[in-house]
Amino acid sequence: MTAPTLIFAWGNPSRGDDALGPRFIERVEALQLPGVQCLTDFQLQVEHALDLQDRRRVLFVDASVNALAPFEVNTIAPAQDATFTTHAMSPQAILQVFRDLQAEEPPPAWLMAIRGSTFELGEPLSASAEAHLDAAVAWAAGWIKAAPKRKRRSPR
């Protein structure tokens, strides 16, 4: 059975604060919340559109030098952007691939951008990124628990 909520994060654990995505997944998995599947990779690729099948909602998570601290969360929609033809795609492009392949709308999706500042190879996660990660995981735990429950059909 496919979990209704997918959390998909990406980043390189060897590049300082770029590890925020994979570290976020580690923390959320440790919470063992029902109805949640977590996936992580170094970058988003076209085949990740298949991971959206049978989901009710998706949270994409990545590190960002542009996000307001500690993090930002925004709803996102399908879009064929410049990443569509590259090996590293945007979440919006993944949603568009899903729409194109399935001939239906993708599940509702959000992008969480966790503020990072140090992305050098071999650097550890910065102290500020660690604090931002704590805040992001706390928010996500509430978001997951507040998921709308599937309505039961009344017997006829």
Protein backbone atom coordinates (compact mmCIF):
# COMPACT_ATOMS: atom_id res chain seq x y z
CA MET A 1 0.00 0.00 0.00
CA THR A 2 1.26 3.46 -0.89
CA ALA A 3 1.46 5.95 1.97
CA PRO A 4 -0.84 8.93 1.37
CA THR A 5 1.86 11.47 2.25
CA LEU A 6 5.20 11.51 0.46
CA ILE A 7 8.09 13.58 1.74
CA PHE A 8 10.86 13.83 -0.83
CA ALA A 9 14.12 15.58 0.03
CA TRP A 10 17.33 15.91 -1.87
CA GLY A 11 20.85 17.13 -1.30
CA ASN A 12 24.47 16.08 -0.92
CA PRO A 13 25.41 15.00 2.62
CA SER A 14 29.07 15.76 1.82
CA ARG A 15 28.50 19.45 1.08
CA GLY A 16 27.79 21.19 4.38
CA ASP A 17 24.29 22.62 4.58
CA ASP A 18 23.30 20.86 1.34
CA ALA A 19 22.79 17.90 3.72
CA LEU A 20 19.66 19.59 5.11
CA GLY A 21 17.33 17.57 2.85
CA PRO A 22 18.73 14.11 3.72
CA ARG A 23 19.05 15.06 7.40
CA PHE A 24 15.42 16.22 7.37
CA ILE A 25 14.37 12.78 6.07
CA GLU A 26 16.40 11.02 8.80
CA ARG A 27 14.64 13.06 11.48
CA VAL A 28 11.14 12.60 10.06
CA GLU A 29 11.66 8.85 9.63
CA ALA A 30 12.72 8.65 13.29
CA LEU A 31 9.28 10.03 14.26
CA GLN A 32 7.67 6.91 12.71
CA LEU A 33 4.53 8.79 11.75
CA PRO A 34 1.81 6.64 10.14
CA GLY A 35 0.80 7.32 6.57
CA VAL A 36 4.13 8.88 5.60
CA GLN A 37 6.76 7.63 3.18
CA CYS A 38 10.11 9.40 2.98
CA LEU A 39 12.43 9.37 -0.02
CA THR A 40 15.76 11.05 -0.58
CA ASP A 41 18.21 11.41 -3.45
CA PHE A 42 21.06 13.64 -4.54
CA GLN A 43 18.80 15.44 -7.03
CA LEU A 44 15.36 15.23 -8.59
CA GLN A 45 15.13 13.28 -11.82
CA VAL A 46 12.36 12.52 -14.30
CA GLU A 47 11.66 9.04 -12.90
CA HIS A 48 10.71 10.60 -9.54
CA ALA A 49 7.39 11.58 -11.11
CA LEU A 50 6.36 7.93 -10.66
CA ASP A 51 6.79 8.28 -6.89
CA LEU A 52 3.78 10.63 -6.87
CA GLN A 53 1.32 7.92 -7.92
CA ASP A 54 -1.50 7.27 -5.45
CA ARG A 55 -0.45 10.08 -3.08
CA ARG A 56 -2.78 12.56 -1.44
CA ARG A 57 -0.05 15.16 -0.88
CA VAL A 58 3.67 15.69 -1.33
CA LEU A 59 6.22 17.77 0.54
CA PHE A 60 9.45 18.46 -1.34
CA VAL A 61 12.37 19.54 0.88
CA ASP A 62 15.70 21.13 -0.06
CA ALA A 63 18.37 23.46 1.30
CA SER A 64 18.34 27.05 0.07
CA VAL A 65 20.61 30.08 0.32
CA ASN A 66 17.68 32.32 -0.63
CA ALA A 67 14.97 31.17 1.79
CA LEU A 68 14.13 33.26 4.81
CA ALA A 69 15.43 31.71 8.03
CA PRO A 70 14.64 29.24 9.37
CA PHE A 71 12.64 27.94 6.35
CA GLU A 72 9.88 28.76 3.88
CA VAL A 73 7.01 26.57 2.72
CA ASN A 74 5.07 27.36 -0.45
CA THR A 75 2.51 25.50 -2.50
CA ILE A 76 3.77 24.61 -5.94
CA ALA A 77 2.13 23.71 -9.23
CA PRO A 78 3.19 21.83 -12.33
CA ALA A 79 5.43 23.83 -14.66
CA GLN A 80 7.61 22.98 -17.60
CA ASP A 81 10.65 25.05 -16.71
CA ALA A 82 14.25 25.11 -17.92
CA THR A 83 15.11 22.08 -15.74
CA PHE A 84 12.74 19.88 -17.76
CA THR A 85 15.53 18.80 -20.11
CA THR A 86 18.33 18.48 -17.55
CA HIS A 87 19.44 15.70 -15.24
CA ALA A 88 18.48 17.75 -12.15
CA MET A 89 14.86 18.84 -12.23
CA SER A 90 12.74 21.22 -10.15
CA PRO A 91 9.80 19.91 -8.12
CA GLN A 92 7.49 21.87 -10.44
CA ALA A 93 8.92 20.02 -13.45
CA ILE A 94 8.41 16.68 -11.66
CA LEU A 95 4.75 17.63 -11.14
CA GLN A 96 4.48 18.50 -14.84
CA VAL A 97 5.95 15.14 -15.87
CA PHE A 98 3.40 13.41 -13.63
CA ARG A 99 0.59 15.40 -15.28
CA ASP A 100 1.87 14.54 -18.75
CA LEU A 101 2.36 10.82 -18.01
CA GLN A 102 -0.82 10.21 -16.06
CA ALA A 103 -3.12 12.64 -17.90
CA GLU A 104 -4.35 13.83 -14.51
CA GLU A 105 -3.44 16.43 -11.95
CA PRO A 106 -0.64 15.57 -9.52
CA PRO A 107 -1.33 15.47 -5.80
CA PRO A 108 -1.22 18.80 -3.95
CA ALA A 109 2.43 19.70 -3.36
CA TRP A 110 4.51 22.02 -1.22
CA LEU A 111 8.15 23.01 -1.35
CA MET A 112 10.00 23.52 1.92
CA ALA A 113 13.23 25.48 1.50
CA ILE A 114 15.42 25.29 4.61
CA ARG A 115 17.90 28.14 4.96
CA GLY A 116 21.53 27.08 4.63
CA SER A 117 24.72 29.08 4.29
CA THR A 118 27.73 26.74 4.00
CA PHE A 119 27.85 24.39 1.01
CA GLU A 120 31.55 23.55 0.69
CA LEU A 121 32.66 19.98 0.05
CA GLY A 122 33.62 18.23 3.28
CA GLU A 123 32.04 20.82 5.59
CA PRO A 124 29.70 19.69 8.38
CA LEU A 125 26.21 21.06 8.81
CA SER A 126 26.50 24.60 10.20
CA ALA A 127 25.11 25.48 13.64
CA SER A 128 22.55 27.83 12.09
CA ALA A 129 21.42 25.14 9.62
CA GLU A 130 21.04 22.68 12.52
CA ALA A 131 18.72 25.15 14.27
CA HIS A 132 16.78 25.71 11.04
CA LEU A 133 16.46 21.94 10.64
CA ASP A 134 15.01 21.63 14.15
CA ALA A 135 12.36 24.24 13.33
CA ALA A 136 11.57 22.64 9.95
CA VAL A 137 11.08 19.16 11.44
CA ALA A 138 8.83 20.54 14.19
CA TRP A 139 6.68 22.29 11.57
CA ALA A 140 6.55 19.17 9.39
CA ALA A 141 5.46 16.97 12.31
CA GLY A 142 2.47 19.28 12.84
CA TRP A 143 1.74 19.39 9.10
CA ILE A 144 1.77 15.60 8.90
CA LYS A 145 -0.49 15.17 11.92
CA ALA A 146 -2.93 17.76 10.56
CA ALA A 147 -3.41 15.83 7.30
CA PRO A 148 -7.02 15.77 6.21
CA LYS A 149 -8.50 12.36 6.84
CA ARG A 150 -10.08 10.52 3.97
CA LYS A 151 -13.84 10.70 4.30
CA ARG A 152 -15.58 7.40 4.79
CA ARG A 153 -18.44 6.62 2.49
CA SER A 154 -21.72 5.87 4.15
CA PRO A 155 -23.17 2.46 3.32
CA ARG A 156 -26.14 2.53 0.95
